[in-house]
Amino acid sequence: MSRAAALALALVLATPFAARAEDAAPTPKAGAPRAEASAPEAGASVSAQPSPGGPVVHGGVIVAASTGSRWADLFLNLLTLGVYAATVNEHLEARQEAVEDSWGRTLERNGESGSARPWEQRRYSPVRRDAREGFLFSFGVGGGAVRFSNPDFLRGSALNFGLRMGYGFSDRFQLFGDFSADAAFYSGSRELTNWLVTLRGQTVLIGDTLGNGLNLNLGFGLGGVTINTGFGDFSSAAAPALVAGLSYDARVGRHFALSPEIYFSYHKVPNGPGFAGDQLWATGLRLNFLWYSPVY
């Protein structure tokens, strides 16, 4: 049932009860004096008594039938106003829905006939995004070799770990920060950890629009080493570092790719005032697990 019908039904049911309650009210005695109609109170706007069954006016809203009680008439006026407002509201809503349906059908017909205007096509067509566009995150693990100019740590095998976060602006360019570490092990319980914090830019050399392709990344940042000689630890100061990588993204999901990468890094290792600095190179192969999260 609609709201207008419900209010109309309430009006029909409420009117007899209001009239019956007025009839049940006690009537004044025969000898009781009546107020003079010619002497109204100051400021009141009292009109002549309405004829039985005729229209009565209260507050500017006309009620078709009077119950004889101003409270019942006020109730009926408010109820009538509610029915009217509900009817107008339903009419407006129905008209709006009809306009929207007609507009949608018009656009569908124009799209089928190929006569849609350019602005309509841009508004209703899905937005296209590149496969490498959006926030990117990856972590990787691999192995390689570390070469240190210090005679005690010339060359050693190393485990490599990497973590990246950044943003892909398009299929052609991505920018991300990279943290990586190489852990090398030597005889005599000696260990060397090479760490790098860099900013890298990446471009696609050969690829497709689905996110598969060969990528080159280049960057710079800071690098340092921590050495465990078996008798204590030594940590060098950070020094400028250069990094590079050649990777291939193989998409295995809409936003996920496996990305094997050949990496290379170089930086100097300061040894303190009065001592010549050393140099460190690291290279190897790492498998990155890469996610792209598009922005909608």
Protein backbone atom coordinates (compact mmCIF):
# COMPACT_ATOMS: atom_id res chain seq x y z
CA MET A 1 0.00 0.00 0.00
CA SER A 2 1.31 3.46 -0.86
CA ARG A 3 1.79 6.19 1.72
CA ALA A 4 -1.00 8.33 0.21
CA ALA A 5 -3.48 5.47 0.42
CA ALA A 6 -2.52 4.72 4.02
CA LEU A 7 -2.99 8.34 5.06
CA ALA A 8 -6.32 8.55 3.27
CA LEU A 9 -7.50 5.41 5.08
CA ALA A 10 -6.43 6.91 8.41
CA LEU A 11 -8.43 10.04 7.58
CA VAL A 12 -11.57 8.04 6.87
CA LEU A 13 -11.21 6.02 10.08
CA ALA A 14 -10.33 8.98 12.30
CA THR A 15 -13.21 11.26 11.27
CA PRO A 16 -16.11 9.18 12.78
CA PHE A 17 -14.22 8.66 16.04
CA ALA A 18 -13.56 12.39 16.38
CA ALA A 19 -17.22 13.21 15.70
CA ARG A 20 -18.41 10.52 18.15
CA ALA A 21 -16.14 11.89 20.87
CA GLU A 22 -17.57 15.38 20.35
CA ASP A 23 -21.13 14.06 20.54
CA ALA A 24 -20.36 12.32 23.82
CA ALA A 25 -19.15 15.55 25.40
CA PRO A 26 -21.59 17.12 27.99
CA THR A 27 -23.91 19.87 26.65
CA PRO A 28 -24.48 23.11 28.56
CA LYS A 29 -27.67 23.53 30.59
CA ALA A 30 -30.67 25.34 29.19
CA GLY A 31 -30.43 28.24 31.56
CA ALA A 32 -26.74 28.83 31.12
CA PRO A 33 -25.88 32.21 29.63
CA ARG A 34 -24.40 32.31 26.17
CA ALA A 35 -21.49 34.44 25.12
CA GLU A 36 -22.55 37.37 23.03
CA ALA A 37 -21.51 36.91 19.42
CA SER A 38 -21.30 40.68 19.04
CA ALA A 39 -18.62 41.01 21.73
CA PRO A 40 -15.56 39.08 20.57
CA GLU A 41 -12.34 39.18 22.52
CA ALA A 42 -9.70 41.67 21.42
CA GLY A 43 -7.39 40.29 18.74
CA ALA A 44 -9.54 37.23 17.92
CA SER A 45 -10.84 36.55 14.42
CA VAL A 46 -14.08 34.70 15.00
CA SER A 47 -16.47 34.44 12.08
CA ALA A 48 -20.13 33.57 12.05
CA GLN A 49 -21.17 30.07 13.04
CA PRO A 50 -20.97 27.73 10.04
CA SER A 51 -24.10 26.10 8.85
CA PRO A 52 -24.39 22.39 9.60
CA GLY A 53 -22.44 20.35 7.09
CA GLY A 54 -20.91 23.45 5.47
CA PRO A 55 -17.20 24.14 5.04
CA VAL A 56 -15.27 25.58 7.96
CA VAL A 57 -12.02 27.57 7.83
CA HIS A 58 -9.30 27.18 10.50
CA GLY A 59 -5.80 28.56 9.99
CA GLY A 60 -6.29 29.00 6.26
CA VAL A 61 -6.82 25.27 5.53
CA ILE A 62 -10.28 24.33 4.35
CA VAL A 63 -11.91 21.19 5.76
CA ALA A 64 -14.85 19.87 3.76
CA ALA A 65 -16.82 18.79 6.84
CA SER A 66 -16.75 20.15 10.38
CA THR A 67 -16.82 17.95 13.46
CA GLY A 68 -17.85 20.80 15.75
CA SER A 69 -14.56 20.66 17.68
CA ARG A 70 -11.57 22.84 16.89
CA TRP A 71 -9.15 20.12 18.05
CA ALA A 72 -10.74 17.52 15.77
CA ASP A 73 -10.75 20.03 12.91
CA LEU A 74 -7.06 20.79 13.52
CA PHE A 75 -6.30 17.07 13.45
CA LEU A 76 -8.15 16.68 10.16
CA ASN A 77 -6.37 19.69 8.69
CA LEU A 78 -2.96 18.25 9.57
CA LEU A 79 -3.94 14.84 8.25
CA THR A 80 -5.14 16.37 4.99
CA LEU A 81 -1.90 18.30 4.66
CA GLY A 82 0.09 15.09 5.22
CA VAL A 83 -1.89 13.24 2.55
CA TYR A 84 -1.29 16.08 0.12
CA ALA A 85 2.46 16.23 0.83
CA ALA A 86 2.82 12.46 0.50
CA THR A 87 0.97 12.48 -2.81
CA VAL A 88 3.14 15.28 -4.21
CA ASN A 89 6.31 13.53 -3.03
CA GLU A 90 5.33 10.24 -4.66
CA HIS A 91 4.49 12.06 -7.87
CA LEU A 92 7.90 13.76 -7.93
CA GLU A 93 9.74 10.49 -7.23
CA ALA A 94 7.86 8.67 -9.95
CA ARG A 95 8.60 11.47 -12.41
CA GLN A 96 12.33 11.42 -11.53
CA GLU A 97 12.51 7.64 -12.01
CA ALA A 98 10.75 7.94 -15.35
CA VAL A 99 13.21 10.62 -16.50
CA GLU A 100 16.22 8.52 -15.43
CA ASP A 101 14.84 5.42 -17.17
CA SER A 102 14.14 7.39 -20.34
CA TRP A 103 17.66 8.90 -20.27
CA GLY A 104 19.25 5.47 -19.79
CA ARG A 105 17.28 3.97 -22.67
CA THR A 106 18.24 6.91 -24.89
CA LEU A 107 21.94 6.39 -24.12
CA GLU A 108 21.64 2.65 -24.81
CA ARG A 109 19.99 3.30 -28.16
CA ASN A 110 22.62 5.89 -29.07
CA GLY A 111 25.40 3.48 -28.07
CA GLU A 112 23.92 0.71 -30.23
CA SER A 113 23.54 3.02 -33.22
CA GLY A 114 26.99 4.53 -32.70
CA SER A 115 25.64 8.09 -32.44
CA ALA A 116 26.60 8.80 -28.84
CA ARG A 117 28.37 12.09 -28.31
CA PRO A 118 32.00 12.02 -27.12
CA TRP A 119 31.21 13.42 -23.67
CA GLU A 120 28.58 10.73 -23.12
CA GLN A 121 31.06 8.01 -24.08
CA ARG A 122 33.69 9.36 -21.69
CA ARG A 123 31.17 9.55 -18.85
CA TYR A 124 29.75 6.05 -19.13
CA SER A 125 32.70 4.07 -20.50
CA PRO A 126 35.00 2.33 -17.94
CA VAL A 127 38.26 4.06 -17.12
CA ARG A 128 41.26 2.26 -18.59
CA ARG A 129 44.35 1.83 -16.43
CA ASP A 130 47.77 0.47 -17.33
CA ALA A 131 48.73 -2.94 -15.98
CA ARG A 132 51.68 -1.48 -14.06
CA GLU A 133 49.83 1.57 -12.77
CA GLY A 134 49.25 1.92 -9.03
CA PHE A 135 51.00 1.28 -5.75
CA LEU A 136 53.56 -1.51 -5.95
CA PHE A 137 55.03 -3.74 -3.29
CA SER A 138 57.49 -6.61 -3.57
CA PHE A 139 59.81 -8.75 -1.55
CA GLY A 140 62.47 -11.07 -2.90
CA VAL A 141 65.07 -13.62 -1.95
CA GLY A 142 68.06 -14.94 -3.84
CA GLY A 143 71.77 -15.45 -3.76
CA GLY A 144 74.98 -14.20 -5.29
CA ALA A 145 78.51 -13.09 -4.52
CA VAL A 146 80.09 -10.25 -2.56
CA ARG A 147 83.55 -8.92 -3.39
CA PHE A 148 85.22 -6.74 -0.74
CA SER A 149 88.56 -5.06 -1.30
CA ASN A 150 89.65 -5.90 2.25
CA PRO A 151 92.14 -8.81 1.90
CA ASP A 152 90.43 -10.72 4.71
CA PHE A 153 87.05 -10.61 2.91
CA LEU A 154 87.93 -10.76 -0.75
CA ARG A 155 85.09 -12.88 -2.11
CA GLY A 156 82.29 -14.89 -0.62
CA SER A 157 78.90 -16.37 -1.43
CA ALA A 158 75.93 -14.45 -0.06
CA LEU A 159 72.22 -14.68 0.54
CA ASN A 160 70.23 -11.72 -0.69
CA PHE A 161 66.97 -10.23 0.62
CA GLY A 162 65.05 -7.32 -0.87
CA LEU A 163 61.98 -5.19 -0.07
CA ARG A 164 60.41 -2.58 -2.35
CA MET A 165 57.57 -0.08 -2.12
CA GLY A 166 56.64 2.59 -4.64
CA TYR A 167 54.25 3.68 -7.35
CA GLY A 168 53.78 2.84 -11.01
CA PHE A 169 52.82 5.90 -13.02
CA SER A 170 52.27 3.96 -16.25
CA ASP A 171 53.46 0.89 -18.12
CA ARG A 172 56.58 2.81 -19.05
CA PHE A 173 57.78 4.17 -15.71
CA GLN A 174 57.74 3.08 -12.06
CA LEU A 175 59.45 4.69 -9.07
CA PHE A 176 60.15 2.84 -5.82
CA GLY A 177 62.32 2.72 -2.75
CA ASP A 178 64.41 -0.41 -2.19
CA PHE A 179 66.01 -1.93 0.88
CA SER A 180 68.28 -4.91 0.29
CA ALA A 181 70.92 -6.84 2.20
CA ASP A 182 73.59 -9.40 1.29
CA ALA A 183 74.72 -11.79 4.03
CA ALA A 184 78.10 -13.38 3.22
CA PHE A 185 79.78 -16.12 5.25
CA TYR A 186 83.52 -16.86 5.53
CA SER A 187 85.71 -19.38 7.30
CA GLY A 188 86.46 -18.92 10.98
CA SER A 189 82.84 -17.91 11.78
CA ARG A 190 83.31 -14.58 10.07
CA GLU A 191 80.31 -12.83 8.54
CA LEU A 192 79.74 -9.75 6.43
CA THR A 193 76.43 -7.99 5.84
CA ASN A 194 76.13 -5.49 3.02
CA TRP A 195 73.04 -3.26 3.28
CA LEU A 196 71.61 -0.75 0.80
CA VAL A 197 68.84 1.84 0.95
CA THR A 198 68.19 3.26 -2.53
CA LEU A 199 65.68 5.08 -4.72
CA ARG A 200 65.16 3.51 -8.13
CA GLY A 201 63.42 4.29 -11.38
CA GLN A 202 62.30 1.48 -13.67
CA THR A 203 61.32 1.40 -17.33
CA VAL A 204 60.08 -1.39 -19.58
CA LEU A 205 62.44 -2.35 -22.38
CA ILE A 206 60.26 -4.97 -24.05
CA GLY A 207 56.76 -5.84 -22.87
CA ASP A 208 53.02 -5.94 -23.46
CA THR A 209 49.99 -4.14 -22.04
CA LEU A 210 49.15 -7.11 -19.77
CA GLY A 211 52.14 -6.45 -17.51
CA ASN A 212 54.65 -8.94 -18.90
CA GLY A 213 58.02 -7.63 -19.98
CA LEU A 214 61.73 -7.03 -19.52
CA ASN A 215 62.54 -4.15 -17.16
CA LEU A 216 65.63 -2.09 -16.37
CA ASN A 217 65.98 -0.26 -13.05
CA LEU A 218 68.69 2.20 -12.04
CA GLY A 219 69.12 4.09 -8.81
CA PHE A 220 71.30 5.55 -6.11
CA GLY A 221 71.30 5.78 -2.34
CA LEU A 222 73.37 4.79 0.65
CA GLY A 223 75.23 1.60 1.47
CA GLY A 224 77.33 0.20 4.29
CA VAL A 225 78.72 -3.00 5.80
CA THR A 226 78.66 -4.75 9.17
CA ILE A 227 81.47 -7.23 9.79
CA ASN A 228 81.65 -9.91 12.43
CA THR A 229 85.29 -10.96 12.82
CA GLY A 230 84.58 -13.62 15.42
CA PHE A 231 85.92 -11.35 18.17
CA GLY A 232 83.58 -8.42 17.72
CA ASP A 233 81.47 -6.44 15.30
CA PHE A 234 82.48 -3.53 13.10
CA SER A 235 80.03 -1.26 11.28
CA SER A 236 81.13 1.20 8.66
CA ALA A 237 79.66 4.60 8.00
CA ALA A 238 77.14 4.93 5.16
CA ALA A 239 78.49 5.95 1.77
CA PRO A 240 76.89 6.78 -1.62
CA ALA A 241 75.88 3.69 -3.57
CA LEU A 242 74.92 2.89 -7.15
CA VAL A 243 72.51 0.07 -8.01
CA ALA A 244 71.08 -1.52 -11.14
CA GLY A 245 68.82 -4.44 -12.00
CA LEU A 246 67.49 -6.30 -15.00
CA SER A 247 64.23 -8.15 -14.33
CA TYR A 248 61.44 -9.89 -16.18
CA ASP A 249 57.83 -9.61 -14.96
CA ALA A 250 55.70 -12.69 -15.59
CA ARG A 251 52.07 -12.05 -14.67
CA VAL A 252 50.36 -14.92 -12.90
CA GLY A 253 47.37 -12.90 -11.75
CA ARG A 254 45.59 -9.64 -12.45
CA HIS A 255 47.71 -7.72 -9.92
CA PHE A 256 50.51 -10.22 -9.12
CA ALA A 257 53.71 -11.13 -10.94
CA LEU A 258 56.83 -13.22 -10.44
CA SER A 259 59.89 -11.16 -11.30
CA PRO A 260 63.34 -12.83 -11.45
CA GLU A 261 66.06 -10.19 -11.39
CA ILE A 262 69.79 -9.94 -11.96
CA TYR A 263 71.07 -7.25 -9.58
CA PHE A 264 74.29 -5.27 -9.15
CA SER A 265 75.44 -2.78 -6.50
CA TYR A 266 78.57 -0.81 -5.70
CA HIS A 267 79.63 1.54 -2.91
CA LYS A 268 82.70 2.58 -0.97
CA VAL A 269 83.38 1.55 2.62
CA PRO A 270 84.95 4.31 4.77
CA ASN A 271 87.52 3.06 7.30
CA GLY A 272 87.87 6.18 9.40
CA PRO A 273 90.25 9.15 9.36
CA GLY A 274 93.77 8.30 8.30
CA PHE A 275 92.83 5.00 6.61
CA ALA A 276 92.14 4.38 2.96
CA GLY A 277 88.60 3.37 2.11
CA ASP A 278 87.62 0.00 0.67
CA GLN A 279 85.19 -0.86 -2.08
CA LEU A 280 82.43 -3.42 -2.26
CA TRP A 281 80.60 -5.01 -5.18
CA ALA A 282 77.64 -7.35 -5.00
CA THR A 283 75.87 -9.23 -7.76
CA GLY A 284 73.49 -12.15 -8.01
CA LEU A 285 70.05 -13.46 -8.92
CA ARG A 286 66.89 -12.76 -6.91
CA LEU A 287 63.25 -13.79 -7.30
CA ASN A 288 60.82 -10.95 -6.50
CA PHE A 289 57.14 -11.42 -5.63
CA LEU A 290 55.48 -8.30 -6.99
CA TRP A 291 52.02 -6.80 -6.39
CA TYR A 292 50.38 -3.86 -8.11
CA SER A 293 47.42 -2.28 -6.32
CA PRO A 294 45.48 -0.02 -8.69
CA VAL A 295 43.93 3.20 -7.40
CA TYR A 296 40.18 3.58 -8.17
